[in-house]
PDB file of N, CA and C in Angstrom:
ATOM      1  N   UNK A   1       0.901  -1.235  -0.053  1.00  0.00           N
ATOM      2  CA  UNK A   1      -0.306  -0.042   0.075  1.00  0.00           C
ATOM      3  C   UNK A   1       0.899   1.533   0.079  1.00  0.00           C
ATOM      4  N   UNK A   2       0.439   2.155  -0.970  1.00  0.00           N
ATOM      5  CA  UNK A   2       1.856   3.452  -0.855  1.00  0.00           C
ATOM      6  C   UNK A   2       1.292   4.337   0.263  1.00  0.00           C
ATOM      7  N   UNK A   3       1.977   5.148   0.452  1.00  0.00           N
ATOM      8  CA  UNK A   3       1.805   6.289   1.673  1.00  0.00           C
ATOM      9  C   UNK A   3       1.023   7.476   1.181  1.00  0.00           C
ATOM     10  N   UNK A   4       0.290   8.166   1.640  1.00  0.00           N
ATOM     11  CA  UNK A   4      -0.132   9.407   1.291  1.00  0.00           C
ATOM     12  C   UNK A   4       0.512  10.346   1.496  1.00  0.00           C
ATOM     13  N   UNK A   5       0.816  11.195   0.022  1.00  0.00           N
ATOM     14  CA  UNK A   5       1.774  12.205  -0.059  1.00  0.00           C
ATOM     15  C   UNK A   5       1.149  13.575   1.027  1.00  0.00           C
ATOM     16  N   UNK A   6       2.160  13.893   1.807  1.00  0.00           N
ATOM     17  CA  UNK A   6       1.837  15.124   2.551  1.00  0.00           C
ATOM     18  C   UNK A   6       2.470  16.125   2.358  1.00  0.00           C
ATOM     19  N   UNK A   7       2.097  17.481   2.644  1.00  0.00           N
ATOM     20  CA  UNK A   7       2.559  18.775   1.967  1.00  0.00           C
ATOM     21  C   UNK A   7       3.165  19.357   3.027  1.00  0.00           C
ATOM     22  N   UNK A   8       2.836  18.555   4.310  1.00  0.00           N
ATOM     23  CA  UNK A   8       3.742  19.437   5.537  1.00  0.00           C
ATOM     24  C   UNK A   8       4.675  18.314   6.210  1.00  0.00           C
ATOM     25  N   UNK A   9       5.437  18.876   6.451  1.00  0.00           N
ATOM     26  CA  UNK A   9       6.507  17.587   7.176  1.00  0.00           C
ATOM     27  C   UNK A   9       6.228  17.522   8.780  1.00  0.00           C
ATOM     28  N   UNK A  10       6.624  16.427   9.553  1.00  0.00           N
ATOM     29  CA  UNK A  10       6.613  16.712  10.942  1.00  0.00           C
ATOM     30  C   UNK A  10       6.659  18.050  11.420  1.00  0.00           C
ATOM     31  N   UNK A  11       8.053  18.208  11.134  1.00  0.00           N
ATOM     32  CA  UNK A  11       8.687  19.586  11.578  1.00  0.00           C
ATOM     33  C   UNK A  11       7.534  20.946  11.526  1.00  0.00           C
ATOM     34  N   UNK A  12       7.373  20.836   9.926  1.00  0.00           N
ATOM     35  CA  UNK A  12       6.255  21.896   9.813  1.00  0.00           C
ATOM     36  C   UNK A  12       5.273  21.856  10.362  1.00  0.00           C
ATOM     37  N   UNK A  13       4.373  20.528  10.749  1.00  0.00           N
ATOM     38  CA  UNK A  13       3.485  20.873  11.738  1.00  0.00           C
ATOM     39  C   UNK A  13       3.490  21.660  12.932  1.00  0.00           C
ATOM     40  N   UNK A  14       4.811  20.932  13.546  1.00  0.00           N
ATOM     41  CA  UNK A  14       4.864  21.413  15.088  1.00  0.00           C
ATOM     42  C   UNK A  14       5.201  22.569  15.093  1.00  0.00           C
ATOM     43  N   UNK A  15       6.358  23.239  13.948  1.00  0.00           N
ATOM     44  CA  UNK A  15       6.662  24.879  13.940  1.00  0.00           C
ATOM     45  C   UNK A  15       5.111  25.556  14.183  1.00  0.00           C
ATOM     46  N   UNK A  16       4.223  25.316  12.947  1.00  0.00           N
ATOM     47  CA  UNK A  16       3.057  26.189  12.649  1.00  0.00           C
ATOM     48  C   UNK A  16       2.389  26.044  13.760  1.00  0.00           C
ATOM     49  N   UNK A  17       2.101  24.667  14.238  1.00  0.00           N
ATOM     50  CA  UNK A  17       0.914  24.661  15.173  1.00  0.00           C
ATOM     51  C   UNK A  17       1.191  24.759  16.771  1.00  0.00           C
ATOM     52  N   UNK A  18       2.544  24.128  17.446  1.00  0.00           N
ATOM     53  CA  UNK A  18       2.595  24.673  18.782  1.00  0.00           C
ATOM     54  C   UNK A  18       3.241  25.916  18.907  1.00  0.00           C
ATOM     55  N   UNK A  19       4.532  25.869  18.169  1.00  0.00           N
ATOM     56  CA  UNK A  19       5.307  26.786  18.123  1.00  0.00           C
ATOM     57  C   UNK A  19       4.795  28.382  18.265  1.00  0.00           C
ATOM     58  N   UNK A  20       3.862  28.252  16.847  1.00  0.00           N
ATOM     59  CA  UNK A  20       3.259  30.077  16.361  1.00  0.00           C
ATOM     60  C   UNK A  20       2.605  29.805  17.576  1.00  0.00           C
ATOM     61  N   UNK A  21       1.413  29.017  18.193  1.00  0.00           N
ATOM     62  CA  UNK A  21       0.557  29.528  19.008  1.00  0.00           C
ATOM     63  C   UNK A  21       0.965  29.826  20.094  1.00  0.00           C
ATOM     64  N   UNK A  22       1.885  28.952  20.776  1.00  0.00           N
ATOM     65  CA  UNK A  22       2.837  29.444  21.688  1.00  0.00           C
ATOM     66  C   UNK A  22       3.617  31.104  22.172  1.00  0.00           C
ATOM     67  N   UNK A  23       3.997  31.302  20.765  1.00  0.00           N
ATOM     68  CA  UNK A  23       4.807  32.879  20.462  1.00  0.00           C
ATOM     69  C   UNK A  23       3.824  33.812  20.610  1.00  0.00           C
ATOM     70  N   UNK A  24       2.216  33.753  20.035  1.00  0.00           N
ATOM     71  CA  UNK A  24       1.293  34.522  19.906  1.00  0.00           C
ATOM     72  C   UNK A  24       0.644  34.667  21.751  1.00  0.00           C
ATOM     73  N   UNK A  25       0.504  33.480  22.199  1.00  0.00           N
ATOM     74  CA  UNK A  25       0.028  33.577  23.446  1.00  0.00           C
ATOM     75  C   UNK A  25       1.193  34.514  24.326  1.00  0.00           C
ATOM     76  N   UNK A  26       2.464  34.050  24.161  1.00  0.00           N
ATOM     77  CA  UNK A  26       3.175  35.169  25.067  1.00  0.00           C
ATOM     78  C   UNK A  26       3.465  36.477  24.524  1.00  0.00           C
ATOM     79  N   UNK A  27       3.100  36.954  23.532  1.00  0.00           N
ATOM     80  CA  UNK A  27       3.237  37.864  22.952  1.00  0.00           C
ATOM     81  C   UNK A  27       1.955  38.876  23.443  1.00  0.00           C
ATOM     82  N   UNK A  28       0.745  38.408  23.471  1.00  0.00           N
ATOM     83  CA  UNK A  28      -0.430  38.882  24.056  1.00  0.00           C
ATOM     84  C   UNK A  28       0.098  38.871  25.624  1.00  0.00           C
ATOM     85  N   UNK A  29       0.633  38.125  26.397  1.00  0.00           N
ATOM     86  CA  UNK A  29       0.671  37.955  27.907  1.00  0.00           C
ATOM     87  C   UNK A  29       1.472  39.185  28.270  1.00  0.00           C
ATOM     88  N   UNK A  30       2.795  38.960  27.457  1.00  0.00           N
ATOM     89  CA  UNK A  30       4.179  40.406  28.044  1.00  0.00           C
ATOM     90  C   UNK A  30       3.950  41.547  26.933  1.00  0.00           C
ATOM     91  N   UNK A  31       3.362  41.748  26.090  1.00  0.00           N
ATOM     92  CA  UNK A  31       3.226  42.900  25.133  1.00  0.00           C
ATOM     93  C   UNK A  31       1.941  43.247  24.951  1.00  0.00           C
ATOM     94  N   UNK A  32       1.207  42.850  24.809  1.00  0.00           N
ATOM     95  CA  UNK A  32      -0.119  43.368  23.861  1.00  0.00           C
ATOM     96  C   UNK A  32      -1.135  43.624  25.341  1.00  0.00           C
ATOM     97  N   UNK A  33      -1.200  43.221  26.232  1.00  0.00           N
ATOM     98  CA  UNK A  33      -1.846  43.443  27.723  1.00  0.00           C
ATOM     99  C   UNK A  33      -1.511  44.708  28.557  1.00  0.00           C
ATOM    100  N   UNK A  34       0.083  44.886  28.607  1.00  0.00           N
ATOM    101  CA  UNK A  34       0.456  45.702  29.470  1.00  0.00           C
ATOM    102  C   UNK A  34       0.562  47.315  28.537  1.00  0.00           C
ATOM    103  N   UNK A  35       0.666  46.964  27.309  1.00  0.00           N
ATOM    104  CA  UNK A  35       0.674  47.787  26.453  1.00  0.00           C
ATOM    105  C   UNK A  35      -0.916  48.680  26.835  1.00  0.00           C
ATOM    106  N   UNK A  36      -1.754  47.842  26.629  1.00  0.00           N
ATOM    107  CA  UNK A  36      -3.468  48.103  26.484  1.00  0.00           C
ATOM    108  C   UNK A  36      -3.837  48.900  27.779  1.00  0.00           C
ATOM    109  N   UNK A  37      -2.950  48.259  28.906  1.00  0.00           N
ATOM    110  CA  UNK A  37      -3.384  49.064  30.410  1.00  0.00           C
ATOM    111  C   UNK A  37      -2.968  50.372  30.148  1.00  0.00           C
ATOM    112  N   UNK A  38      -1.574  50.509  29.652  1.00  0.00           N
ATOM    113  CA  UNK A  38      -0.614  51.832  29.905  1.00  0.00           C
ATOM    114  C   UNK A  38      -1.609  52.793  28.834  1.00  0.00           C
ATOM    115  N   UNK A  39      -2.167  52.362  27.845  1.00  0.00           N
ATOM    116  CA  UNK A  39      -2.721  53.411  26.730  1.00  0.00           C
ATOM    117  C   UNK A  39      -3.357  54.629  27.257  1.00  0.00           C
ATOM    118  N   UNK A  40      -2.949  55.798  27.027  1.00  0.00           N
ATOM    119  CA  UNK A  40      -3.815  56.837  27.552  1.00  0.00           C
ATOM    120  C   UNK A  40      -5.166  57.105  26.913  1.00  0.00           C
ATOM    121  N   UNK A  41      -4.795  56.753  25.046  1.00  0.00           N
ATOM    122  CA  UNK A  41      -5.967  56.681  24.358  1.00  0.00           C
ATOM    123  C   UNK A  41      -6.602  55.815  24.485  1.00  0.00           C
ATOM    124  N   UNK A  42      -6.349  54.473  24.798  1.00  0.00           N
ATOM    125  CA  UNK A  42      -7.601  53.478  25.328  1.00  0.00           C
ATOM    126  C   UNK A  42      -8.386  53.816  26.399  1.00  0.00           C
ATOM    127  N   UNK A  43      -7.512  54.110  27.663  1.00  0.00           N
ATOM    128  CA  UNK A  43      -8.267  54.924  28.793  1.00  0.00           C
ATOM    129  C   UNK A  43      -9.110  56.064  28.410  1.00  0.00           C
ATOM    130  N   UNK A  44      -8.925  56.794  27.400  1.00  0.00           N
ATOM    131  CA  UNK A  44      -9.897  57.537  27.593  1.00  0.00           C
ATOM    132  C   UNK A  44     -10.732  57.366  26.296  1.00  0.00           C
ATOM    133  N   UNK A  45     -10.991  56.358  25.973  1.00  0.00           N
ATOM    134  CA  UNK A  45     -12.281  55.921  24.794  1.00  0.00           C
ATOM    135  C   UNK A  45     -12.922  55.151  25.700  1.00  0.00           C
ATOM    136  N   UNK A  46     -12.496  54.609  26.711  1.00  0.00           N
ATOM    137  CA  UNK A  46     -13.083  53.498  27.709  1.00  0.00           C
ATOM    138  C   UNK A  46     -13.662  54.820  28.315  1.00  0.00           C
ATOM    139  N   UNK A  47     -13.483  55.870  29.032  1.00  0.00           N
ATOM    140  CA  UNK A  47     -13.891  56.472  29.799  1.00  0.00           C
ATOM    141  C   UNK A  47     -15.094  57.621  29.317  1.00  0.00           C
ATOM    142  N   UNK A  48     -14.890  57.571  27.771  1.00  0.00           N
ATOM    143  CA  UNK A  48     -16.037  58.311  26.703  1.00  0.00           C
ATOM    144  C   UNK A  48     -17.252  57.299  26.573  1.00  0.00           C
ATOM    145  N   UNK A  49     -16.553  55.956  26.393  1.00  0.00           N
ATOM    146  CA  UNK A  49     -17.992  54.973  26.459  1.00  0.00           C
ATOM    147  C   UNK A  49     -18.610  55.082  27.458  1.00  0.00           C
ATOM    148  N   UNK A  50     -18.064  55.029  28.998  1.00  0.00           N
ATOM    149  CA  UNK A  50     -18.598  55.047  30.113  1.00  0.00           C
ATOM    150  C   UNK A  50     -19.378  56.308  30.418  1.00  0.00           C
ATOM    151  N   UNK A  51     -19.423  57.721  29.688  1.00  0.00           N
ATOM    152  CA  UNK A  51     -19.855  58.311  29.774  1.00  0.00           C
ATOM    153  C   UNK A  51     -21.209  58.407  29.179  1.00  0.00           C
ATOM    154  N   UNK A  52     -20.811  58.148  27.705  1.00  0.00           N
ATOM    155  CA  UNK A  52     -22.053  57.792  26.933  1.00  0.00           C
ATOM    156  C   UNK A  52     -23.216  56.692  27.623  1.00  0.00           C
ATOM    157  N   UNK A  53     -22.782  55.597  28.110  1.00  0.00           N
ATOM    158  CA  UNK A  53     -23.558  54.732  28.544  1.00  0.00           C
ATOM    159  C   UNK A  53     -24.459  55.556  29.786  1.00  0.00           C
ATOM    160  N   UNK A  54     -23.673  56.167  30.660  1.00  0.00           N
ATOM    161  CA  UNK A  54     -24.597  56.782  31.668  1.00  0.00           C
ATOM    162  C   UNK A  54     -25.505  57.919  30.974  1.00  0.00           C
ATOM    163  N   UNK A  55     -24.928  58.719  29.874  1.00  0.00           N
ATOM    164  CA  UNK A  55     -25.901  59.523  29.333  1.00  0.00           C
ATOM    165  C   UNK A  55     -27.325  58.710  28.765  1.00  0.00           C
ATOM    166  N   UNK A  56     -27.095  57.661  27.987  1.00  0.00           N
ATOM    167  CA  UNK A  56     -28.083  56.374  27.537  1.00  0.00           C
ATOM    168  C   UNK A  56     -29.143  56.044  28.969  1.00  0.00           C
ATOM    169  N   UNK A  57     -28.703  55.640  29.974  1.00  0.00           N
ATOM    170  CA  UNK A  57     -29.316  55.395  30.920  1.00  0.00           C
ATOM    171  C   UNK A  57     -30.209  56.558  31.671  1.00  0.00           C
ATOM    172  N   UNK A  58     -29.547  57.465  31.757  1.00  0.00           N
ATOM    173  CA  UNK A  58     -30.290  59.003  32.218  1.00  0.00           C
ATOM    174  C   UNK A  58     -31.630  59.179  31.147  1.00  0.00           C
ATOM    175  N   UNK A  59     -31.340  59.061  29.922  1.00  0.00           N
ATOM    176  CA  UNK A  59     -32.343  59.292  28.735  1.00  0.00           C
ATOM    177  C   UNK A  59     -33.445  58.606  28.883  1.00  0.00           C
ATOM    178  N   UNK A  60     -32.694  56.858  29.287  1.00  0.00           N
ATOM    179  CA  UNK A  60     -33.943  55.892  28.952  1.00  0.00           C
ATOM    180  C   UNK A  60     -34.857  56.082  30.054  1.00  0.00           C
ATOM    181  N   UNK A  61     -34.318  56.406  31.425  1.00  0.00           N
ATOM    182  CA  UNK A  61     -34.820  56.838  32.998  1.00  0.00           C
ATOM    183  C   UNK A  61     -36.255  57.749  33.066  1.00  0.00           C
ATOM    184  N   UNK A  62     -35.327  58.812  31.611  1.00  0.00           N
ATOM    185  CA  UNK A  62     -36.470  59.929  31.870  1.00  0.00           C
ATOM    186  C   UNK A  62     -37.557  59.795  30.771  1.00  0.00           C
ATOM    187  N   UNK A  63     -37.118  58.935  29.962  1.00  0.00           N
ATOM    188  CA  UNK A  63     -38.360  58.725  28.808  1.00  0.00           C
ATOM    189  C   UNK A  63     -39.399  57.667  29.623  1.00  0.00           C
ATOM    190  N   UNK A  64     -39.003  56.829  30.532  1.00  0.00           N
ATOM    191  CA  UNK A  64     -39.681  55.924  31.331  1.00  0.00           C
ATOM    192  C   UNK A  64     -40.780  56.591  32.495  1.00  0.00           C
ATOM    193  N   UNK A  65     -40.006  57.595  32.980  1.00  0.00           N
ATOM    194  CA  UNK A  65     -40.513  58.109  34.288  1.00  0.00           C
ATOM    195  C   UNK A  65     -41.625  59.208  33.514  1.00  0.00           C
ATOM    196  N   UNK A  66     -41.433  59.496  31.815  1.00  0.00           N
ATOM    197  CA  UNK A  66     -42.695  60.119  31.500  1.00  0.00           C
ATOM    198  C   UNK A  66     -43.430  59.502  31.172  1.00  0.00           C
ATOM    199  N   UNK A  67     -43.702  58.215  30.707  1.00  0.00           N
ATOM    200  CA  UNK A  67     -44.420  57.637  30.244  1.00  0.00           C
ATOM    201  C   UNK A  67     -45.003  56.825  31.350  1.00  0.00           C
ATOM    202  N   UNK A  68     -44.638  57.109  32.765  1.00  0.00           N
ATOM    203  CA  UNK A  68     -45.365  56.995  34.095  1.00  0.00           C
ATOM    204  C   UNK A  68     -45.325  55.639  34.500  1.00  0.00           C
ATOM    205  N   UNK A  69     -44.119  54.552  34.201  1.00  0.00           N
ATOM    206  CA  UNK A  69     -43.629  53.922  34.671  1.00  0.00           C
ATOM    207  C   UNK A  69     -42.646  53.902  35.787  1.00  0.00           C
ATOM    208  N   UNK A  70     -42.760  52.621  36.757  1.00  0.00           N
ATOM    209  CA  UNK A  70     -41.781  52.952  37.871  1.00  0.00           C
ATOM    210  C   UNK A  70     -40.648  52.355  37.730  1.00  0.00           C
ATOM    211  N   UNK A  71     -40.328  51.585  36.633  1.00  0.00           N
ATOM    212  CA  UNK A  71     -38.989  50.794  36.198  1.00  0.00           C
ATOM    213  C   UNK A  71     -38.005  51.624  35.989  1.00  0.00           C
ATOM    214  N   UNK A  72     -36.974  51.454  36.147  1.00  0.00           N
ATOM    215  CA  UNK A  72     -35.644  52.129  36.410  1.00  0.00           C
ATOM    216  C   UNK A  72     -34.330  51.131  35.397  1.00  0.00           C
ATOM    217  N   UNK A  73     -33.546  51.990  34.414  1.00  0.00           N
ATOM    218  CA  UNK A  73     -32.838  51.022  33.683  1.00  0.00           C
ATOM    219  C   UNK A  73     -31.337  51.353  34.710  1.00  0.00           C
ATOM    220  N   UNK A  74     -30.676  50.599  34.506  1.00  0.00           N
ATOM    221  CA  UNK A  74     -29.305  50.341  35.463  1.00  0.00           C
ATOM    222  C   UNK A  74     -28.480  49.818  34.436  1.00  0.00           C
ATOM    223  N   UNK A  75     -27.159  50.516  33.856  1.00  0.00           N
ATOM    224  CA  UNK A  75     -26.303  49.795  32.955  1.00  0.00           C
ATOM    225  C   UNK A  75     -25.163  49.948  33.574  1.00  0.00           C
ATOM    226  N   UNK A  76     -24.344  48.635  33.490  1.00  0.00           N
ATOM    227  CA  UNK A  76     -22.931  48.642  33.973  1.00  0.00           C
ATOM    228  C   UNK A  76     -22.047  49.159  33.045  1.00  0.00           C
ATOM    229  N   UNK A  77     -21.128  50.108  33.414  1.00  0.00           N
ATOM    230  CA  UNK A  77     -20.247  50.720  32.473  1.00  0.00           C
ATOM    231  C   UNK A  77     -19.200  49.724  32.703  1.00  0.00           C
ATOM    232  N   UNK A  78     -18.330  49.664  31.648  1.00  0.00           N
ATOM    233  CA  UNK A  78     -17.357  49.199  31.177  1.00  0.00           C
ATOM    234  C   UNK A  78     -15.928  48.944  31.914  1.00  0.00           C
ATOM    235  N   UNK A  79     -14.997  47.975  32.568  1.00  0.00           N
ATOM    236  CA  UNK A  79     -13.986  48.278  32.788  1.00  0.00           C
ATOM    237  C   UNK A  79     -12.897  47.778  31.810  1.00  0.00           C
ATOM    238  N   UNK A  80     -11.608  48.143  32.323  1.00  0.00           N
ATOM    239  CA  UNK A  80     -10.497  47.544  31.256  1.00  0.00           C
ATOM    240  C   UNK A  80     -10.403  46.359  31.345  1.00  0.00           C
ATOM    241  N   UNK A  81     -10.906  45.317  32.196  1.00  0.00           N
ATOM    242  CA  UNK A  81     -10.707  43.667  32.336  1.00  0.00           C
ATOM    243  C   UNK A  81     -11.484  43.257  31.472  1.00  0.00           C
ATOM    244  N   UNK A  82     -12.581  43.938  31.301  1.00  0.00           N
ATOM    245  CA  UNK A  82     -13.906  43.538  30.094  1.00  0.00           C
ATOM    246  C   UNK A  82     -13.068  43.362  28.458  1.00  0.00           C
ATOM    247  N   UNK A  83     -12.215  44.178  28.555  1.00  0.00           N
ATOM    248  CA  UNK A  83     -11.384  44.351  27.087  1.00  0.00           C
ATOM    249  C   UNK A  83     -10.217  43.341  26.897  1.00  0.00           C
ATOM    250  N   UNK A  84      -9.675  42.487  28.065  1.00  0.00           N
ATOM    251  CA  UNK A  84      -8.257  41.779  27.920  1.00  0.00           C
ATOM    252  C   UNK A  84      -8.587  40.632  28.346  1.00  0.00           C
ATOM    253  N   UNK A  85      -8.342  39.557  27.963  1.00  0.00           N
ATOM    254  CA  UNK A  85      -8.756  38.399  28.186  1.00  0.00           C
ATOM    255  C   UNK A  85      -7.457  37.654  28.942  1.00  0.00           C
ATOM    256  N   UNK A  86      -7.709  36.505  29.479  1.00  0.00           N
ATOM    257  CA  UNK A  86      -6.711  36.277  30.392  1.00  0.00           C
ATOM    258  C   UNK A  86      -5.986  34.633  29.423  1.00  0.00           C
TER     259      UNK A  86
END
């Protein structure tokens, strides 16, 4: 019985599958996450997002009050850890 032809050698599969994945995880752990935590631009955008959520919550509650409802809407603000996976 003839062997199947493979376009990847055993070394190629190991290099692309395991090593590349490990390098990507290390990059995210040591480079991307601390950079995101220290980024003033990201923190500013996150504060803007939370301000917009607060404005939305206020306007929704005002509309509900105007309709005569006693229900209130409470939206949670986002935190930095919501955007960073471990």
